[in-house]
Amino acid sequence: MFNNASILITGGTGSFGHQCVREILSQFRPARLIVFSRDELKQFDMQQEFDAPCMRFFLGDVRDLERLRQAMRGVDYVVHAAALKQVPAAEYNPTEAIKTNIHGAENVIRAALDNEVDKVIALSTDKAANPINLYGATKLASDKLFVAANNVAGRHRTRFAVVRYGNVVGSRGSVVPFFRRLLDDGTDRLPITDPRMTRFWITLPQGVQFVLNSFRRMQGGEIFVPRIPSVRIVDLAEAMAPGMRLDFIGIRPGEKVHEVMCPRDDSHLTLGFNDHFVIRPTIRFHSHEMAYDTNPLGETGAAVAEGFEYESGSNPHFLTVPELRRMNGALGL
């Protein structure tokens, strides 16, 4: 569906943006592939890596509505990946997280509607489900904005959806490169916040492919959640440094022991598909009704049990230490 189309990625110089550009160029022949971000050095570096004729680079911030409007002219599909993501940084700088993650989301919606973009998918996070930190709260607000945008759209053709997934293996600021830096510096111990801690686990290629598939599946208003494995952080440490001492340093501000992607309170809205879940909108759209149990690919889902919760600690699929070693090795981590 992306052949001869124009695609824009906000936050396109980040880990997700790099991989998304790589996957799109390898699978499709877009007319334009636009990287929108505020970091000119990262854009310069990215231009050296990707020199396809379809590539375009726009300096800009999602806080700037007019710049977004300019960048989205003639665009068919938008992936909204720009966000302030660091949990402690958001706790200490709440107004900055709100400006980017909430007001920026509103600007993306307005610019997409003004330019009659066909489809928009916003990236979310497991921290947006039952949030206890400001980052999660801003992403929950963003999710709500993108879902409700399908109602705001009225007669506009633009449709909006959300993709929510867990920790991305090896992404900037994540635990694997943090452990790797410590090990490379010769540490004799690894710091872990809590021995019970678990996280959902997905690779960058898997995350990008899930987003691209969600464009084909979406009707508007869905929150797509992939079925992915969990990891115990103590197992990750064992996989990276067998037998090394672990220091349990306590939970950081705004951190959970386990993460949730489909909250129990949304079980009446959740549909289970073969490799993913769909959380239906909490609101009804005035302009259209959707039967979310069947998507445009012909895949069918069924309602989950009452009280169902998709949580990293109770997930039936955990990666073992050998599996983690193989995954890290395959990813060069």
C-alpha atoms as a PDB file:
ATOM      1  CA  MET A   1       0.000   0.000   0.000  1.00  0.00           C
ATOM      2  CA  PHE A   2       3.014   2.310   0.320  1.00  0.00           C
ATOM      3  CA  ASN A   3       4.135   2.059  -3.317  1.00  0.00           C
ATOM      4  CA  ASN A   4       3.968   5.508  -4.964  1.00  0.00           C
ATOM      5  CA  ALA A   5       2.686   6.981  -1.676  1.00  0.00           C
ATOM      6  CA  SER A   6       4.056   9.837   0.419  1.00  0.00           C
ATOM      7  CA  ILE A   7       4.893   8.863   4.009  1.00  0.00           C
ATOM      8  CA  LEU A   8       5.968  11.125   6.872  1.00  0.00           C
ATOM      9  CA  ILE A   9       7.572   9.972  10.128  1.00  0.00           C
ATOM     10  CA  THR A  10       7.647  12.405  13.039  1.00  0.00           C
ATOM     11  CA  GLY A  11      10.634  11.824  15.280  1.00  0.00           C
ATOM     12  CA  GLY A  12      12.107  10.111  12.253  1.00  0.00           C
ATOM     13  CA  THR A  13      15.738  10.306  13.375  1.00  0.00           C
ATOM     14  CA  GLY A  14      15.132   8.114  16.438  1.00  0.00           C
ATOM     15  CA  SER A  15      15.647   4.372  16.758  1.00  0.00           C
ATOM     16  CA  PHE A  16      12.178   3.594  15.420  1.00  0.00           C
ATOM     17  CA  GLY A  17      12.489   6.103  12.592  1.00  0.00           C
ATOM     18  CA  HIS A  18      15.781   4.615  11.379  1.00  0.00           C
ATOM     19  CA  GLN A  19      14.340   1.120  11.274  1.00  0.00           C
ATOM     20  CA  CYS A  20      11.061   2.291   9.753  1.00  0.00           C
ATOM     21  CA  VAL A  21      12.905   4.012   6.901  1.00  0.00           C
ATOM     22  CA  ARG A  22      15.019   0.902   6.389  1.00  0.00           C
ATOM     23  CA  GLU A  23      11.971  -1.397   6.233  1.00  0.00           C
ATOM     24  CA  ILE A  24       9.934   0.856   3.950  1.00  0.00           C
ATOM     25  CA  LEU A  25      12.792   1.278   1.476  1.00  0.00           C
ATOM     26  CA  SER A  26      13.405  -2.481   1.407  1.00  0.00           C
ATOM     27  CA  GLN A  27       9.737  -3.462   0.952  1.00  0.00           C
ATOM     28  CA  PHE A  28       8.163  -0.619  -1.034  1.00  0.00           C
ATOM     29  CA  ARG A  29       8.818   2.114  -3.569  1.00  0.00           C
ATOM     30  CA  PRO A  30       7.353   5.263  -2.023  1.00  0.00           C
ATOM     31  CA  ALA A  31       7.100   8.509  -3.946  1.00  0.00           C
ATOM     32  CA  ARG A  32       8.344  10.419  -0.887  1.00  0.00           C
ATOM     33  CA  LEU A  33       9.607   9.283   2.497  1.00  0.00           C
ATOM     34  CA  ILE A  34       9.815  12.285   4.810  1.00  0.00           C
ATOM     35  CA  VAL A  35      11.838  12.359   8.011  1.00  0.00           C
ATOM     36  CA  PHE A  36      10.521  15.086  10.324  1.00  0.00           C
ATOM     37  CA  SER A  37      12.592  15.881  13.424  1.00  0.00           C
ATOM     38  CA  ARG A  38      14.242  18.743  15.267  1.00  0.00           C
ATOM     39  CA  ASP A  39      17.852  17.478  15.363  1.00  0.00           C
ATOM     40  CA  GLU A  40      19.860  18.698  12.368  1.00  0.00           C
ATOM     41  CA  LEU A  41      22.952  16.625  13.217  1.00  0.00           C
ATOM     42  CA  LYS A  42      20.975  13.380  13.325  1.00  0.00           C
ATOM     43  CA  GLN A  43      19.320  14.334  10.057  1.00  0.00           C
ATOM     44  CA  PHE A  44      22.741  14.969   8.499  1.00  0.00           C
ATOM     45  CA  ASP A  45      23.986  11.580   9.702  1.00  0.00           C
ATOM     46  CA  MET A  46      20.830   9.912   8.411  1.00  0.00           C
ATOM     47  CA  GLN A  47      21.249  11.496   4.980  1.00  0.00           C
ATOM     48  CA  GLN A  48      24.651   9.801   4.707  1.00  0.00           C
ATOM     49  CA  GLU A  49      23.026   6.449   5.462  1.00  0.00           C
ATOM     50  CA  PHE A  50      19.925   6.744   3.274  1.00  0.00           C
ATOM     51  CA  ASP A  51      20.402   8.360  -0.117  1.00  0.00           C
ATOM     52  CA  ALA A  52      17.289   7.079  -1.924  1.00  0.00           C
ATOM     53  CA  PRO A  53      15.791   9.679  -4.310  1.00  0.00           C
ATOM     54  CA  CYS A  54      12.477   9.540  -2.431  1.00  0.00           C
ATOM     55  CA  MET A  55      14.017  10.706   0.864  1.00  0.00           C
ATOM     56  CA  ARG A  56      13.148  14.138   2.227  1.00  0.00           C
ATOM     57  CA  PHE A  57      14.319  15.703   5.491  1.00  0.00           C
ATOM     58  CA  PHE A  58      12.282  18.366   7.296  1.00  0.00           C
ATOM     59  CA  LEU A  59      13.647  20.186  10.325  1.00  0.00           C
ATOM     60  CA  GLY A  60      10.798  20.935  12.671  1.00  0.00           C
ATOM     61  CA  ASP A  61       9.186  20.283  16.028  1.00  0.00           C
ATOM     62  CA  VAL A  62       5.754  18.742  16.621  1.00  0.00           C
ATOM     63  CA  ARG A  63       5.121  21.697  18.907  1.00  0.00           C
ATOM     64  CA  ASP A  64       5.049  23.870  15.758  1.00  0.00           C
ATOM     65  CA  LEU A  65       1.672  23.430  14.037  1.00  0.00           C
ATOM     66  CA  GLU A  66       2.488  25.554  10.982  1.00  0.00           C
ATOM     67  CA  ARG A  67       5.670  23.616  10.260  1.00  0.00           C
ATOM     68  CA  LEU A  68       3.736  20.345  10.521  1.00  0.00           C
ATOM     69  CA  ARG A  69       1.148  21.680   8.082  1.00  0.00           C
ATOM     70  CA  GLN A  70       3.901  22.502   5.606  1.00  0.00           C
ATOM     71  CA  ALA A  71       5.554  19.111   6.006  1.00  0.00           C
ATOM     72  CA  MET A  72       2.298  17.159   5.521  1.00  0.00           C
ATOM     73  CA  ARG A  73       1.287  18.733   2.217  1.00  0.00           C
ATOM     74  CA  GLY A  74       0.523  15.919  -0.204  1.00  0.00           C
ATOM     75  CA  VAL A  75       1.255  13.234   2.423  1.00  0.00           C
ATOM     76  CA  ASP A  76      -0.791  10.011   2.405  1.00  0.00           C
ATOM     77  CA  TYR A  77       0.388   8.282   5.595  1.00  0.00           C
ATOM     78  CA  VAL A  78       1.851   9.574   8.862  1.00  0.00           C
ATOM     79  CA  VAL A  79       3.671   7.625  11.563  1.00  0.00           C
ATOM     80  CA  HIS A  80       3.788   9.735  14.719  1.00  0.00           C
ATOM     81  CA  ALA A  81       6.838   8.560  16.665  1.00  0.00           C
ATOM     82  CA  ALA A  82       8.027  11.867  18.152  1.00  0.00           C
ATOM     83  CA  ALA A  83       7.847  12.017  21.945  1.00  0.00           C
ATOM     84  CA  LEU A  84       9.761  12.760  25.110  1.00  0.00           C
ATOM     85  CA  LYS A  85      10.147   9.205  26.411  1.00  0.00           C
ATOM     86  CA  GLN A  86      12.449   9.169  29.433  1.00  0.00           C
ATOM     87  CA  VAL A  87      10.398   8.496  32.575  1.00  0.00           C
ATOM     88  CA  PRO A  88      12.628  10.319  35.115  1.00  0.00           C
ATOM     89  CA  ALA A  89      13.127  13.288  32.759  1.00  0.00           C
ATOM     90  CA  ALA A  90       9.362  13.668  32.398  1.00  0.00           C
ATOM     91  CA  GLU A  91       8.933  13.517  36.183  1.00  0.00           C
ATOM     92  CA  TYR A  92      11.382  16.389  36.637  1.00  0.00           C
ATOM     93  CA  ASN A  93      10.267  18.368  33.547  1.00  0.00           C
ATOM     94  CA  PRO A  94       6.508  17.801  33.368  1.00  0.00           C
ATOM     95  CA  THR A  95       5.573  20.866  31.323  1.00  0.00           C
ATOM     96  CA  GLU A  96       8.043  19.918  28.583  1.00  0.00           C
ATOM     97  CA  ALA A  97       6.606  16.395  28.337  1.00  0.00           C
ATOM     98  CA  ILE A  98       3.087  17.836  28.141  1.00  0.00           C
ATOM     99  CA  LYS A  99       4.080  20.284  25.371  1.00  0.00           C
ATOM    100  CA  THR A 100       5.582  17.555  23.183  1.00  0.00           C
ATOM    101  CA  ASN A 101       3.501  14.483  23.989  1.00  0.00           C
ATOM    102  CA  ILE A 102       0.048  16.079  24.317  1.00  0.00           C
ATOM    103  CA  HIS A 103       0.108  19.394  22.485  1.00  0.00           C
ATOM    104  CA  GLY A 104       2.360  17.869  19.828  1.00  0.00           C
ATOM    105  CA  ALA A 105      -0.168  15.065  19.307  1.00  0.00           C
ATOM    106  CA  GLU A 106      -2.929  17.648  18.887  1.00  0.00           C
ATOM    107  CA  ASN A 107      -0.822  19.472  16.292  1.00  0.00           C
ATOM    108  CA  VAL A 108      -0.216  16.257  14.332  1.00  0.00           C
ATOM    109  CA  ILE A 109      -3.980  15.630  14.248  1.00  0.00           C
ATOM    110  CA  ARG A 110      -4.779  19.170  13.093  1.00  0.00           C
ATOM    111  CA  ALA A 111      -2.112  19.142  10.380  1.00  0.00           C
ATOM    112  CA  ALA A 112      -3.257  15.724   9.127  1.00  0.00           C
ATOM    113  CA  LEU A 113      -6.889  16.868   8.889  1.00  0.00           C
ATOM    114  CA  ASP A 114      -5.928  20.129   7.181  1.00  0.00           C
ATOM    115  CA  ASN A 115      -3.975  18.178   4.534  1.00  0.00           C
ATOM    116  CA  GLU A 116      -6.482  15.312   4.097  1.00  0.00           C
ATOM    117  CA  VAL A 117      -3.898  12.709   5.038  1.00  0.00           C
ATOM    118  CA  ASP A 118      -5.329   9.230   4.466  1.00  0.00           C
ATOM    119  CA  LYS A 119      -4.167   7.394   7.618  1.00  0.00           C
ATOM    120  CA  VAL A 120      -2.239   8.272  10.767  1.00  0.00           C
ATOM    121  CA  ILE A 121      -0.810   5.835  13.316  1.00  0.00           C
ATOM    122  CA  ALA A 122       0.546   7.137  16.617  1.00  0.00           C
ATOM    123  CA  LEU A 123       3.041   5.114  18.606  1.00  0.00           C
ATOM    124  CA  SER A 124       2.098   4.539  22.223  1.00  0.00           C
ATOM    125  CA  THR A 125       3.652   2.606  25.100  1.00  0.00           C
ATOM    126  CA  ASP A 126       2.733   0.092  27.753  1.00  0.00           C
ATOM    127  CA  LYS A 127       3.234   2.924  30.259  1.00  0.00           C
ATOM    128  CA  ALA A 128       0.035   4.540  28.918  1.00  0.00           C
ATOM    129  CA  ALA A 129      -2.039   1.686  30.406  1.00  0.00           C
ATOM    130  CA  ASN A 130      -2.917   2.401  34.050  1.00  0.00           C
ATOM    131  CA  PRO A 131      -0.213   5.100  34.127  1.00  0.00           C
ATOM    132  CA  ILE A 132       1.605   5.948  37.353  1.00  0.00           C
ATOM    133  CA  ASN A 133       4.166   8.347  35.852  1.00  0.00           C
ATOM    134  CA  LEU A 134       3.840  11.545  33.866  1.00  0.00           C
ATOM    135  CA  TYR A 135       5.244  10.036  30.680  1.00  0.00           C
ATOM    136  CA  GLY A 136       2.558   7.345  30.747  1.00  0.00           C
ATOM    137  CA  ALA A 137      -0.123   9.914  31.566  1.00  0.00           C
ATOM    138  CA  THR A 138       0.873  12.110  28.622  1.00  0.00           C
ATOM    139  CA  LYS A 139       0.854   9.118  26.286  1.00  0.00           C
ATOM    140  CA  LEU A 140      -2.570   8.052  27.561  1.00  0.00           C
ATOM    141  CA  ALA A 141      -3.804  11.578  26.798  1.00  0.00           C
ATOM    142  CA  SER A 142      -2.203  11.311  23.361  1.00  0.00           C
ATOM    143  CA  ASP A 143      -3.902   7.942  22.744  1.00  0.00           C
ATOM    144  CA  LYS A 144      -7.268   9.457  23.681  1.00  0.00           C
ATOM    145  CA  LEU A 145      -6.672  12.386  21.332  1.00  0.00           C
ATOM    146  CA  PHE A 146      -5.890  10.128  18.381  1.00  0.00           C
ATOM    147  CA  VAL A 147      -8.879   7.875  19.014  1.00  0.00           C
ATOM    148  CA  ALA A 148     -11.264  10.816  19.373  1.00  0.00           C
ATOM    149  CA  ALA A 149      -9.780  12.435  16.256  1.00  0.00           C
ATOM    150  CA  ASN A 150     -11.828   9.960  14.200  1.00  0.00           C
ATOM    151  CA  ASN A 151     -14.914  11.722  15.531  1.00  0.00           C
ATOM    152  CA  VAL A 152     -13.431  15.192  15.101  1.00  0.00           C
ATOM    153  CA  ALA A 153     -12.611  14.295  11.483  1.00  0.00           C
ATOM    154  CA  GLY A 154     -16.264  14.459  10.470  1.00  0.00           C
ATOM    155  CA  ARG A 155     -16.349  14.454   6.675  1.00  0.00           C
ATOM    156  CA  HIS A 156     -12.574  14.452   6.357  1.00  0.00           C
ATOM    157  CA  ARG A 157     -11.249  11.168   4.977  1.00  0.00           C
ATOM    158  CA  THR A 158      -8.437  10.977   7.548  1.00  0.00           C
ATOM    159  CA  ARG A 159      -8.492   8.020   9.928  1.00  0.00           C
ATOM    160  CA  PHE A 160      -6.406   7.652  13.086  1.00  0.00           C
ATOM    161  CA  ALA A 161      -5.228   4.627  15.087  1.00  0.00           C
ATOM    162  CA  VAL A 162      -2.729   3.834  17.834  1.00  0.00           C
ATOM    163  CA  VAL A 163      -0.092   1.109  18.195  1.00  0.00           C
ATOM    164  CA  ARG A 164       0.941   0.225  21.758  1.00  0.00           C
ATOM    165  CA  TYR A 165       3.849  -2.051  22.593  1.00  0.00           C
ATOM    166  CA  GLY A 166       6.495  -2.634  25.249  1.00  0.00           C
ATOM    167  CA  ASN A 167      10.221  -2.152  25.583  1.00  0.00           C
ATOM    168  CA  VAL A 168      12.124  -2.151  22.308  1.00  0.00           C
ATOM    169  CA  VAL A 169      15.278  -4.261  22.511  1.00  0.00           C
ATOM    170  CA  GLY A 170      18.383  -2.140  22.016  1.00  0.00           C
ATOM    171  CA  SER A 171      16.636   1.205  21.494  1.00  0.00           C
ATOM    172  CA  ARG A 172      18.326   4.340  22.822  1.00  0.00           C
ATOM    173  CA  GLY A 173      17.956   4.674  26.579  1.00  0.00           C
ATOM    174  CA  SER A 174      16.780   1.089  27.079  1.00  0.00           C
ATOM    175  CA  VAL A 175      18.241  -1.417  29.515  1.00  0.00           C
ATOM    176  CA  VAL A 176      20.253  -3.591  27.081  1.00  0.00           C
ATOM    177  CA  PRO A 177      22.607  -0.849  25.818  1.00  0.00           C
ATOM    178  CA  PHE A 178      22.805   0.469  29.401  1.00  0.00           C
ATOM    179  CA  PHE A 179      23.999  -2.920  30.648  1.00  0.00           C
ATOM    180  CA  ARG A 180      26.308  -3.245  27.654  1.00  0.00           C
ATOM    181  CA  ARG A 181      28.017   0.082  28.395  1.00  0.00           C
ATOM    182  CA  LEU A 182      28.583  -0.940  32.008  1.00  0.00           C
ATOM    183  CA  LEU A 183      30.033  -4.286  30.946  1.00  0.00           C
ATOM    184  CA  ASP A 184      32.288  -2.683  28.341  1.00  0.00           C
ATOM    185  CA  ASP A 185      33.566  -0.320  31.047  1.00  0.00           C
ATOM    186  CA  GLY A 186      34.545  -3.306  33.186  1.00  0.00           C
ATOM    187  CA  THR A 187      31.867  -3.268  35.876  1.00  0.00           C
ATOM    188  CA  ASP A 188      31.742  -6.173  38.322  1.00  0.00           C
ATOM    189  CA  ARG A 189      28.015  -5.770  39.092  1.00  0.00           C
ATOM    190  CA  LEU A 190      24.792  -4.773  37.343  1.00  0.00           C
ATOM    191  CA  PRO A 191      22.186  -2.487  38.952  1.00  0.00           C
ATOM    192  CA  ILE A 192      18.586  -3.723  38.903  1.00  0.00           C
ATOM    193  CA  THR A 193      15.747  -1.806  40.475  1.00  0.00           C
ATOM    194  CA  ASP A 194      13.739  -4.806  41.749  1.00  0.00           C
ATOM    195  CA  PRO A 195      14.321  -8.583  41.479  1.00  0.00           C
ATOM    196  CA  ARG A 196      10.655  -9.154  40.497  1.00  0.00           C
ATOM    197  CA  MET A 197      10.735  -6.724  37.576  1.00  0.00           C
ATOM    198  CA  THR A 198       9.366  -7.883  34.199  1.00  0.00           C
ATOM    199  CA  ARG A 199       8.883  -6.147  30.866  1.00  0.00           C
ATOM    200  CA  PHE A 200       7.280  -6.858  27.506  1.00  0.00           C
ATOM    201  CA  TRP A 201       9.970  -7.427  24.867  1.00  0.00           C
ATOM    202  CA  ILE A 202       9.939  -6.602  21.146  1.00  0.00           C
ATOM    203  CA  THR A 203      12.685  -5.998  18.598  1.00  0.00           C
ATOM    204  CA  LEU A 204      12.810  -2.905  16.420  1.00  0.00           C
ATOM    205  CA  PRO A 205      12.112  -4.826  13.183  1.00  0.00           C
ATOM    206  CA  GLN A 206       9.136  -6.541  14.840  1.00  0.00           C
ATOM    207  CA  GLY A 207       7.792  -3.223  16.114  1.00  0.00           C
ATOM    208  CA  VAL A 208       8.120  -1.514  12.743  1.00  0.00           C
ATOM    209  CA  GLN A 209       6.515  -4.404  10.886  1.00  0.00           C
ATOM    210  CA  PHE A 210       3.622  -4.412  13.331  1.00  0.00           C
ATOM    211  CA  VAL A 211       3.050  -0.712  12.656  1.00  0.00           C
ATOM    212  CA  LEU A 212       3.178  -1.206   8.886  1.00  0.00           C
ATOM    213  CA  ASN A 213       0.723  -4.114   9.141  1.00  0.00           C
ATOM    214  CA  SER A 214      -1.560  -2.001  11.330  1.00  0.00           C
ATOM    215  CA  PHE A 215      -1.933   0.517   8.501  1.00  0.00           C
ATOM    216  CA  ARG A 216      -3.457  -2.286   6.439  1.00  0.00           C
ATOM    217  CA  ARG A 217      -5.638  -3.499   9.318  1.00  0.00           C
ATOM    218  CA  MET A 218      -6.922  -0.191  10.654  1.00  0.00           C
ATOM    219  CA  GLN A 219     -10.401   1.217  10.216  1.00  0.00           C
ATOM    220  CA  GLY A 220     -10.032   4.106  12.638  1.00  0.00           C
ATOM    221  CA  GLY A 221     -10.104   4.362  16.420  1.00  0.00           C
ATOM    222  CA  GLU A 222      -8.321   1.112  17.313  1.00  0.00           C
ATOM    223  CA  ILE A 223      -5.464   0.633  19.746  1.00  0.00           C
ATOM    224  CA  PHE A 224      -3.395  -2.240  18.339  1.00  0.00           C
ATOM    225  CA  VAL A 225      -1.378  -4.323  20.804  1.00  0.00           C
ATOM    226  CA  PRO A 226       0.952  -7.121  19.601  1.00  0.00           C
ATOM    227  CA  ARG A 227       1.163 -10.478  21.370  1.00  0.00           C
ATOM    228  CA  ILE A 228       4.820 -10.476  22.425  1.00  0.00           C
ATOM    229  CA  PRO A 229       6.900 -12.245  25.086  1.00  0.00           C
ATOM    230  CA  SER A 230       7.952 -10.937  28.482  1.00  0.00           C
ATOM    231  CA  VAL A 231      11.373 -11.000  30.117  1.00  0.00           C
ATOM    232  CA  ARG A 232      12.512 -11.065  33.725  1.00  0.00           C
ATOM    233  CA  ILE A 233      15.194  -8.405  34.081  1.00  0.00           C
ATOM    234  CA  VAL A 234      17.263 -10.729  36.277  1.00  0.00           C
ATOM    235  CA  ASP A 235      17.208 -13.243  33.387  1.00  0.00           C
ATOM    236  CA  LEU A 236      18.363 -10.515  30.997  1.00  0.00           C
ATOM    237  CA  ALA A 237      21.279  -9.749  33.309  1.00  0.00           C
ATOM    238  CA  GLU A 238      22.172 -13.460  33.482  1.00  0.00           C
ATOM    239  CA  ALA A 239      22.030 -13.705  29.684  1.00  0.00           C
ATOM    240  CA  MET A 240      24.397 -10.752  29.267  1.00  0.00           C
ATOM    241  CA  ALA A 241      26.743 -11.446  32.191  1.00  0.00           C
ATOM    242  CA  PRO A 242      26.450 -14.996  33.557  1.00  0.00           C
ATOM    243  CA  GLY A 243      27.009 -15.213  37.284  1.00  0.00           C
ATOM    244  CA  MET A 244      27.658 -11.496  37.750  1.00  0.00           C
ATOM    245  CA  ARG A 245      26.661  -9.840  41.005  1.00  0.00           C
ATOM    246  CA  LEU A 246      23.376  -7.917  40.910  1.00  0.00           C
ATOM    247  CA  ASP A 247      22.752  -4.796  42.989  1.00  0.00           C
ATOM    248  CA  PHE A 248      19.071  -4.161  43.731  1.00  0.00           C
ATOM    249  CA  ILE A 249      18.856  -0.390  43.961  1.00  0.00           C
ATOM    250  CA  GLY A 250      15.114   0.243  44.343  1.00  0.00           C
ATOM    251  CA  ILE A 251      12.419   1.385  41.950  1.00  0.00           C
ATOM    252  CA  ARG A 252      13.017   4.725  40.238  1.00  0.00           C
ATOM    253  CA  PRO A 253      10.456   7.571  40.318  1.00  0.00           C
ATOM    254  CA  GLY A 254       7.401   6.583  38.278  1.00  0.00           C
ATOM    255  CA  GLU A 255       8.536   2.998  37.605  1.00  0.00           C
ATOM    256  CA  LYS A 256       6.369  -0.149  37.795  1.00  0.00           C
ATOM    257  CA  VAL A 257       7.385  -3.702  38.700  1.00  0.00           C
ATOM    258  CA  HIS A 258       5.234  -5.079  35.856  1.00  0.00           C
ATOM    259  CA  GLU A 259       3.815  -3.320  32.795  1.00  0.00           C
ATOM    260  CA  VAL A 260       0.303  -3.594  31.340  1.00  0.00           C
ATOM    261  CA  MET A 261      -0.747  -3.224  27.707  1.00  0.00           C
ATOM    262  CA  CYS A 262      -4.435  -4.228  27.874  1.00  0.00           C
ATOM    263  CA  PRO A 263      -5.897  -3.027  31.197  1.00  0.00           C
ATOM    264  CA  ARG A 264      -8.465  -5.109  33.047  1.00  0.00           C
ATOM    265  CA  ASP A 265     -10.888  -2.167  32.988  1.00  0.00           C
ATOM    266  CA  ASP A 266     -10.814  -2.275  29.170  1.00  0.00           C
ATOM    267  CA  SER A 267     -11.520  -6.015  28.931  1.00  0.00           C
ATOM    268  CA  HIS A 268     -15.070  -5.347  27.679  1.00  0.00           C
ATOM    269  CA  LEU A 269     -13.526  -3.423  24.759  1.00  0.00           C
ATOM    270  CA  THR A 270     -10.685  -5.846  23.948  1.00  0.00           C
ATOM    271  CA  LEU A 271     -10.676  -8.286  21.029  1.00  0.00           C
ATOM    272  CA  GLY A 272      -8.149 -11.085  20.698  1.00  0.00           C
ATOM    273  CA  PHE A 273      -6.716 -11.860  17.254  1.00  0.00           C
ATOM    274  CA  ASN A 274      -4.161 -14.486  16.286  1.00  0.00           C
ATOM    275  CA  ASP A 275      -1.063 -12.324  16.840  1.00  0.00           C
ATOM    276  CA  HIS A 276      -2.455  -9.151  18.391  1.00  0.00           C
ATOM    277  CA  PHE A 277      -5.195  -7.515  20.422  1.00  0.00           C
ATOM    278  CA  VAL A 278      -7.438  -4.607  19.477  1.00  0.00           C
ATOM    279  CA  ILE A 279      -8.841  -2.246  22.101  1.00  0.00           C
ATOM    280  CA  ARG A 280     -11.973  -0.714  20.650  1.00  0.00           C
ATOM    281  CA  PRO A 281     -12.803   2.969  21.228  1.00  0.00           C
ATOM    282  CA  THR A 282     -14.530   3.900  24.463  1.00  0.00           C
ATOM    283  CA  ILE A 283     -16.639   6.420  22.518  1.00  0.00           C
ATOM    284  CA  ARG A 284     -19.034   5.982  19.604  1.00  0.00           C
ATOM    285  CA  PHE A 285     -18.290   7.854  16.409  1.00  0.00           C
ATOM    286  CA  HIS A 286     -21.104   9.933  14.985  1.00  0.00           C
ATOM    287  CA  SER A 287     -19.940   9.695  11.369  1.00  0.00           C
ATOM    288  CA  HIS A 288     -19.404   5.931  11.080  1.00  0.00           C
ATOM    289  CA  GLU A 289     -19.859   2.585  12.819  1.00  0.00           C
ATOM    290  CA  MET A 290     -17.145  -0.054  12.743  1.00  0.00           C
ATOM    291  CA  ALA A 291     -17.249  -3.803  13.232  1.00  0.00           C
ATOM    292  CA  TYR A 292     -13.799  -4.147  14.726  1.00  0.00           C
ATOM    293  CA  ASP A 293     -13.996  -7.929  15.077  1.00  0.00           C
ATOM    294  CA  THR A 294     -13.184  -8.227  11.353  1.00  0.00           C
ATOM    295  CA  ASN A 295     -10.476  -6.070   9.797  1.00  0.00           C
ATOM    296  CA  PRO A 296      -9.776  -5.160   6.135  1.00  0.00           C
ATOM    297  CA  LEU A 297      -7.369  -8.110   5.846  1.00  0.00           C
ATOM    298  CA  GLY A 298     -10.204 -10.511   6.675  1.00  0.00           C
ATOM    299  CA  GLU A 299      -8.721 -11.401  10.067  1.00  0.00           C
ATOM    300  CA  THR A 300     -11.306 -12.051  12.755  1.00  0.00           C
ATOM    301  CA  GLY A 301     -11.072 -11.513  16.494  1.00  0.00           C
ATOM    302  CA  ALA A 302     -13.167 -12.514  19.485  1.00  0.00           C
ATOM    303  CA  ALA A 303     -13.979 -10.803  22.758  1.00  0.00           C
ATOM    304  CA  VAL A 304     -11.615 -11.665  25.607  1.00  0.00           C
ATOM    305  CA  ALA A 305     -12.896 -12.932  28.950  1.00  0.00           C
ATOM    306  CA  GLU A 306     -14.310 -10.443  31.417  1.00  0.00           C
ATOM    307  CA  GLY A 307     -11.528  -9.142  33.638  1.00  0.00           C
ATOM    308  CA  PHE A 308      -8.788 -10.078  31.151  1.00  0.00           C
ATOM    309  CA  GLU A 309      -5.532  -8.175  31.592  1.00  0.00           C
ATOM    310  CA  TYR A 310      -2.435  -8.376  29.402  1.00  0.00           C
ATOM    311  CA  GLU A 311       0.392  -7.827  31.898  1.00  0.00           C
ATOM    312  CA  SER A 312       4.102  -8.555  31.605  1.00  0.00           C
ATOM    313  CA  GLY A 313       4.207 -10.433  34.915  1.00  0.00           C
ATOM    314  CA  SER A 314       1.342 -12.816  34.087  1.00  0.00           C
ATOM    315  CA  ASN A 315       2.075 -13.149  30.379  1.00  0.00           C
ATOM    316  CA  PRO A 316       2.140 -16.888  29.489  1.00  0.00           C
ATOM    317  CA  HIS A 317       5.176 -16.400  27.215  1.00  0.00           C
ATOM    318  CA  PHE A 318       8.530 -15.569  28.854  1.00  0.00           C
ATOM    319  CA  LEU A 319      11.863 -15.606  27.053  1.00  0.00           C
ATOM    320  CA  THR A 320      14.438 -17.941  28.616  1.00  0.00           C
ATOM    321  CA  VAL A 321      18.056 -17.019  29.294  1.00  0.00           C
ATOM    322  CA  PRO A 322      19.295 -18.978  26.208  1.00  0.00           C
ATOM    323  CA  GLU A 323      16.634 -17.301  24.049  1.00  0.00           C
ATOM    324  CA  LEU A 324      17.712 -13.895  25.292  1.00  0.00           C
ATOM    325  CA  ARG A 325      21.349 -14.699  24.495  1.00  0.00           C
ATOM    326  CA  ARG A 326      20.429 -15.758  20.973  1.00  0.00           C
ATOM    327  CA  MET A 327      18.276 -12.657  20.427  1.00  0.00           C
ATOM    328  CA  ASN A 328      20.975 -10.294  21.685  1.00  0.00           C
ATOM    329  CA  GLY A 329      23.566 -12.044  19.556  1.00  0.00           C
ATOM    330  CA  ALA A 330      21.415 -11.841  16.434  1.00  0.00           C
ATOM    331  CA  LEU A 331      20.885  -8.114  17.057  1.00  0.00           C
ATOM    332  CA  GLY A 332      24.582  -7.502  17.776  1.00  0.00           C
ATOM    333  CA  LEU A 333      23.901  -6.364  21.347  1.00  0.00           C
END
